[in-house]
C-alpha atoms as a PDB file:
ATOM      1  CA  UNK A   1      13.614 -53.855  68.965  1.00  0.00           C
ATOM      2  CA  UNK A   2      15.160 -53.731  65.513  1.00  0.00           C
ATOM      3  CA  UNK A   3      17.016 -50.621  64.394  1.00  0.00           C
ATOM      4  CA  UNK A   4      17.230 -49.140  60.909  1.00  0.00           C
ATOM      5  CA  UNK A   5      20.685 -50.750  60.631  1.00  0.00           C
ATOM      6  CA  UNK A   6      19.269 -54.224  61.376  1.00  0.00           C
ATOM      7  CA  UNK A   7      16.591 -53.755  58.842  1.00  0.00           C
ATOM      8  CA  UNK A   8      19.061 -52.545  56.365  1.00  0.00           C
ATOM      9  CA  UNK A   9      21.216 -55.640  56.783  1.00  0.00           C
ATOM     10  CA  UNK A  10      18.344 -57.782  56.529  1.00  0.00           C
ATOM     11  CA  UNK A  11      17.061 -56.047  53.314  1.00  0.00           C
ATOM     12  CA  UNK A  12      19.935 -56.979  50.941  1.00  0.00           C
ATOM     13  CA  UNK A  13      20.023 -53.568  49.682  1.00  0.00           C
ATOM     14  CA  UNK A  14      22.382 -50.654  50.023  1.00  0.00           C
ATOM     15  CA  UNK A  15      21.581 -47.661  52.189  1.00  0.00           C
ATOM     16  CA  UNK A  16      21.448 -45.587  48.887  1.00  0.00           C
ATOM     17  CA  UNK A  17      19.046 -48.029  47.395  1.00  0.00           C
ATOM     18  CA  UNK A  18      16.873 -47.719  50.342  1.00  0.00           C
ATOM     19  CA  UNK A  19      16.860 -43.814  50.056  1.00  0.00           C
ATOM     20  CA  UNK A  20      15.924 -44.108  46.515  1.00  0.00           C
ATOM     21  CA  UNK A  21      12.891 -46.369  47.305  1.00  0.00           C
ATOM     22  CA  UNK A  22      12.017 -44.257  50.086  1.00  0.00           C
ATOM     23  CA  UNK A  23      12.016 -41.069  47.976  1.00  0.00           C
ATOM     24  CA  UNK A  24      10.041 -42.768  45.334  1.00  0.00           C
ATOM     25  CA  UNK A  25       7.405 -44.295  47.598  1.00  0.00           C
ATOM     26  CA  UNK A  26       7.467 -41.257  49.917  1.00  0.00           C
ATOM     27  CA  UNK A  27       7.831 -43.395  53.048  1.00  0.00           C
ATOM     28  CA  UNK A  28      10.164 -43.692  55.870  1.00  0.00           C
ATOM     29  CA  UNK A  29      13.611 -45.431  55.081  1.00  0.00           C
ATOM     30  CA  UNK A  30      12.834 -48.297  57.388  1.00  0.00           C
ATOM     31  CA  UNK A  31       9.609 -48.990  55.352  1.00  0.00           C
ATOM     32  CA  UNK A  32      11.480 -48.685  52.147  1.00  0.00           C
ATOM     33  CA  UNK A  33      14.016 -51.185  53.342  1.00  0.00           C
ATOM     34  CA  UNK A  34      11.109 -53.719  53.813  1.00  0.00           C
ATOM     35  CA  UNK A  35       9.439 -52.780  50.465  1.00  0.00           C
ATOM     36  CA  UNK A  36      12.760 -53.252  48.775  1.00  0.00           C
ATOM     37  CA  UNK A  37      13.232 -56.529  50.238  1.00  0.00           C
ATOM     38  CA  UNK A  38      10.064 -57.909  49.583  1.00  0.00           C
ATOM     39  CA  UNK A  39      10.463 -56.763  45.674  1.00  0.00           C
ATOM     40  CA  UNK A  40      13.947 -58.282  45.533  1.00  0.00           C
ATOM     41  CA  UNK A  41      12.070 -61.823  46.000  1.00  0.00           C
ATOM     42  CA  UNK A  42      10.957 -61.748  42.176  1.00  0.00           C
ATOM     43  CA  UNK A  43      12.263 -60.794  38.723  1.00  0.00           C
ATOM     44  CA  UNK A  44       9.151 -58.681  38.514  1.00  0.00           C
ATOM     45  CA  UNK A  45       9.968 -56.956  41.701  1.00  0.00           C
ATOM     46  CA  UNK A  46      13.617 -56.275  40.813  1.00  0.00           C
ATOM     47  CA  UNK A  47      12.361 -54.723  37.576  1.00  0.00           C
ATOM     48  CA  UNK A  48       9.976 -52.437  39.687  1.00  0.00           C
ATOM     49  CA  UNK A  49      12.864 -51.361  41.864  1.00  0.00           C
ATOM     50  CA  UNK A  50      14.757 -50.329  38.709  1.00  0.00           C
ATOM     51  CA  UNK A  51      11.844 -48.314  37.670  1.00  0.00           C
ATOM     52  CA  UNK A  52      11.705 -46.693  40.976  1.00  0.00           C
ATOM     53  CA  UNK A  53      15.319 -45.478  40.588  1.00  0.00           C
ATOM     54  CA  UNK A  54      14.932 -44.545  36.851  1.00  0.00           C
ATOM     55  CA  UNK A  55      11.839 -42.491  37.877  1.00  0.00           C
ATOM     56  CA  UNK A  56      13.766 -40.713  40.766  1.00  0.00           C
ATOM     57  CA  UNK A  57      16.559 -39.901  38.110  1.00  0.00           C
ATOM     58  CA  UNK A  58      13.948 -38.449  35.738  1.00  0.00           C
ATOM     59  CA  UNK A  59      12.482 -36.357  38.507  1.00  0.00           C
ATOM     60  CA  UNK A  60      15.871 -35.171  39.723  1.00  0.00           C
ATOM     61  CA  UNK A  61      16.779 -34.263  36.161  1.00  0.00           C
ATOM     62  CA  UNK A  62      13.470 -32.368  35.404  1.00  0.00           C
ATOM     63  CA  UNK A  63      14.107 -30.262  38.363  1.00  0.00           C
ATOM     64  CA  UNK A  64      17.652 -29.505  37.384  1.00  0.00           C
ATOM     65  CA  UNK A  65      19.328 -31.302  40.184  1.00  0.00           C
ATOM     66  CA  UNK A  66      22.593 -32.226  38.710  1.00  0.00           C
ATOM     67  CA  UNK A  67      24.354 -33.740  41.640  1.00  0.00           C
ATOM     68  CA  UNK A  68      21.417 -35.739  42.673  1.00  0.00           C
ATOM     69  CA  UNK A  69      20.964 -36.972  39.157  1.00  0.00           C
ATOM     70  CA  UNK A  70      24.539 -38.124  39.026  1.00  0.00           C
ATOM     71  CA  UNK A  71      24.066 -39.716  42.470  1.00  0.00           C
ATOM     72  CA  UNK A  72      21.046 -41.549  41.546  1.00  0.00           C
ATOM     73  CA  UNK A  73      22.680 -42.670  38.165  1.00  0.00           C
ATOM     74  CA  UNK A  74      25.493 -44.187  40.144  1.00  0.00           C
ATOM     75  CA  UNK A  75      22.820 -45.907  42.431  1.00  0.00           C
ATOM     76  CA  UNK A  76      21.129 -47.384  39.559  1.00  0.00           C
ATOM     77  CA  UNK A  77      24.435 -48.725  37.839  1.00  0.00           C
ATOM     78  CA  UNK A  78      25.316 -50.501  41.009  1.00  0.00           C
ATOM     79  CA  UNK A  79      22.004 -51.854  41.527  1.00  0.00           C
ATOM     80  CA  UNK A  80      21.660 -52.949  37.850  1.00  0.00           C
ATOM     81  CA  UNK A  81      25.226 -54.596  38.008  1.00  0.00           C
ATOM     82  CA  UNK A  82      24.218 -56.649  41.117  1.00  0.00           C
ATOM     83  CA  UNK A  83      20.812 -57.397  39.775  1.00  0.00           C
ATOM     84  CA  UNK A  84      21.194 -58.143  35.995  1.00  0.00           C
ATOM     85  CA  UNK A  85      18.137 -58.955  33.745  1.00  0.00           C
ATOM     86  CA  UNK A  86      17.048 -62.542  33.938  1.00  0.00           C
ATOM     87  CA  UNK A  87      18.805 -64.660  31.341  1.00  0.00           C
ATOM     88  CA  UNK A  88      16.627 -67.657  30.378  1.00  0.00           C
ATOM     89  CA  UNK A  89      18.600 -71.035  30.190  1.00  0.00           C
ATOM     90  CA  UNK A  90      20.150 -72.091  27.177  1.00  0.00           C
END
């Protein structure tokens, strides 16, 4: 039987990224790890994951959750740094 930590390790995502996906998709963290891993396989999927996190930031900001907004902004910065936009070959 696989544990959440096993699935997290296989997902190539951080726990924070999985939590952000889970909140956005309103699903269990283990399901979010699977969704995230699948989306990491393409440039369009990575763009979709960034949109998930940005949506979470906007929602937290709209509700006045400053700490959560700041936390999600940091999650986004780290995710964007490790998954930069695709650069076409020169």
